[in-house]
Amino acid sequence: MIQGANKDKTSSGLLMQCLVSAEQGADFPTVWETILRRHPLITGVPLQTYRNSRPLLEIHLITHQNLIYDSHAQEYTLV
């Protein structure tokens, strides 16, 4: 059980939490409020960016990675 708790504190664990929540039907505002907003890896608020003319939400992590939410595809990625 402790292993699972530690995994939730990694960037890949955070991504998995978001993916599972989205699979269960949660929209981005719900994921933000229930998972991301107070997570210890998050360093700020989501920023809207554009890649290939698509709007994305980018959330900076203390790991120098970014959690990306693509509202068009309704998916999360880690870069």
C-alpha atoms as a PDB file:
ATOM      1  CA  MET A   1       0.000   0.000   0.000  1.00  0.00           C
ATOM      2  CA  ILE A   2       2.836   2.407   0.731  1.00  0.00           C
ATOM      3  CA  GLN A   3       4.255   1.677  -2.725  1.00  0.00           C
ATOM      4  CA  GLY A   4       0.991   2.860  -4.328  1.00  0.00           C
ATOM      5  CA  ALA A   5       1.041   6.032  -2.254  1.00  0.00           C
ATOM      6  CA  ASN A   6       4.616   6.743  -3.340  1.00  0.00           C
ATOM      7  CA  LYS A   7       3.771   6.107  -6.987  1.00  0.00           C
ATOM      8  CA  ASP A   8       1.023   8.748  -6.747  1.00  0.00           C
ATOM      9  CA  LYS A   9       3.755  11.273  -5.962  1.00  0.00           C
ATOM     10  CA  THR A  10       5.653  10.618  -9.202  1.00  0.00           C
ATOM     11  CA  SER A  11       4.865  12.362 -12.464  1.00  0.00           C
ATOM     12  CA  SER A  12       3.868   9.055 -14.071  1.00  0.00           C
ATOM     13  CA  GLY A  13       1.636   8.266 -11.092  1.00  0.00           C
ATOM     14  CA  LEU A  14       0.026  11.678 -11.422  1.00  0.00           C
ATOM     15  CA  LEU A  15      -0.561  11.077 -15.128  1.00  0.00           C
ATOM     16  CA  MET A  16      -2.192   7.716 -14.351  1.00  0.00           C
ATOM     17  CA  GLN A  17      -4.516   9.352 -11.825  1.00  0.00           C
ATOM     18  CA  CYS A  18      -5.617  11.854 -14.466  1.00  0.00           C
ATOM     19  CA  LEU A  19      -6.102   9.166 -17.111  1.00  0.00           C
ATOM     20  CA  VAL A  20      -8.176   6.979 -14.816  1.00  0.00           C
ATOM     21  CA  SER A  21     -10.309   9.914 -13.737  1.00  0.00           C
ATOM     22  CA  ALA A  22     -10.880  10.925 -17.368  1.00  0.00           C
ATOM     23  CA  GLU A  23     -11.797   7.341 -18.286  1.00  0.00           C
ATOM     24  CA  GLN A  24     -14.405   7.482 -15.531  1.00  0.00           C
ATOM     25  CA  GLY A  25     -15.921  10.565 -17.175  1.00  0.00           C
ATOM     26  CA  ALA A  26     -14.307  13.433 -15.257  1.00  0.00           C
ATOM     27  CA  ASP A  27     -13.823  16.653 -17.219  1.00  0.00           C
ATOM     28  CA  PHE A  28     -10.727  18.841 -16.819  1.00  0.00           C
ATOM     29  CA  PRO A  29     -12.211  21.189 -14.172  1.00  0.00           C
ATOM     30  CA  THR A  30     -13.066  18.169 -12.032  1.00  0.00           C
ATOM     31  CA  VAL A  31      -9.601  16.642 -12.464  1.00  0.00           C
ATOM     32  CA  TRP A  32      -8.052  20.023 -11.617  1.00  0.00           C
ATOM     33  CA  GLU A  33     -10.065  20.377  -8.412  1.00  0.00           C
ATOM     34  CA  THR A  34      -9.846  16.761  -7.222  1.00  0.00           C
ATOM     35  CA  ILE A  35      -6.333  15.723  -8.264  1.00  0.00           C
ATOM     36  CA  LEU A  36      -4.108  18.464  -9.609  1.00  0.00           C
ATOM     37  CA  ARG A  37      -4.764  21.694  -7.741  1.00  0.00           C
ATOM     38  CA  ARG A  38      -3.157  20.662  -4.457  1.00  0.00           C
ATOM     39  CA  HIS A  39      -0.809  17.946  -5.727  1.00  0.00           C
ATOM     40  CA  PRO A  40       2.776  18.444  -4.487  1.00  0.00           C
ATOM     41  CA  LEU A  41       4.247  18.158  -8.013  1.00  0.00           C
ATOM     42  CA  ILE A  42       2.199  21.018  -9.481  1.00  0.00           C
ATOM     43  CA  THR A  43       3.974  24.394  -9.584  1.00  0.00           C
ATOM     44  CA  GLY A  44       1.229  26.684 -10.839  1.00  0.00           C
ATOM     45  CA  VAL A  45      -2.009  27.097 -12.699  1.00  0.00           C
ATOM     46  CA  PRO A  46      -2.775  25.646 -16.139  1.00  0.00           C
ATOM     47  CA  LEU A  47      -1.560  27.782 -19.028  1.00  0.00           C
ATOM     48  CA  GLN A  48      -3.221  27.745 -22.415  1.00  0.00           C
ATOM     49  CA  THR A  49      -0.789  26.999 -25.217  1.00  0.00           C
ATOM     50  CA  TYR A  50      -1.113  26.057 -28.870  1.00  0.00           C
ATOM     51  CA  ARG A  51       0.579  23.257 -30.797  1.00  0.00           C
ATOM     52  CA  ASN A  52      -0.281  22.569 -34.417  1.00  0.00           C
ATOM     53  CA  SER A  53      -3.097  25.136 -34.106  1.00  0.00           C
ATOM     54  CA  ARG A  54      -4.697  23.131 -31.290  1.00  0.00           C
ATOM     55  CA  PRO A  55      -5.352  24.696 -27.889  1.00  0.00           C
ATOM     56  CA  LEU A  56      -3.827  22.789 -24.989  1.00  0.00           C
ATOM     57  CA  LEU A  57      -3.612  23.267 -21.251  1.00  0.00           C
ATOM     58  CA  GLU A  58      -0.079  22.956 -19.929  1.00  0.00           C
ATOM     59  CA  ILE A  59       0.662  22.424 -16.254  1.00  0.00           C
ATOM     60  CA  HIS A  60       4.252  22.731 -15.038  1.00  0.00           C
ATOM     61  CA  LEU A  61       5.614  20.163 -12.596  1.00  0.00           C
ATOM     62  CA  ILE A  62       8.518  20.457 -10.161  1.00  0.00           C
ATOM     63  CA  THR A  63      10.157  17.613 -12.112  1.00  0.00           C
ATOM     64  CA  HIS A  64      10.672  20.058 -15.034  1.00  0.00           C
ATOM     65  CA  GLN A  65       8.059  18.132 -16.988  1.00  0.00           C
ATOM     66  CA  ASN A  66       4.696  19.345 -18.194  1.00  0.00           C
ATOM     67  CA  LEU A  67       1.345  17.654 -17.908  1.00  0.00           C
ATOM     68  CA  ILE A  68      -0.590  18.466 -21.073  1.00  0.00           C
ATOM     69  CA  TYR A  69      -4.355  18.274 -21.460  1.00  0.00           C
ATOM     70  CA  ASP A  70      -5.715  18.222 -24.995  1.00  0.00           C
ATOM     71  CA  SER A  71      -9.405  19.105 -24.748  1.00  0.00           C
ATOM     72  CA  HIS A  72     -10.066  18.159 -28.366  1.00  0.00           C
ATOM     73  CA  ALA A  73      -8.783  14.607 -27.864  1.00  0.00           C
ATOM     74  CA  GLN A  74      -9.731  14.635 -24.161  1.00  0.00           C
ATOM     75  CA  GLU A  75      -6.400  13.130 -23.194  1.00  0.00           C
ATOM     76  CA  TYR A  76      -3.485  13.789 -20.864  1.00  0.00           C
ATOM     77  CA  THR A  77       0.180  13.395 -21.743  1.00  0.00           C
ATOM     78  CA  LEU A  78       3.459  14.005 -19.955  1.00  0.00           C
ATOM     79  CA  VAL A  79       6.300  15.801 -21.728  1.00  0.00           C
END
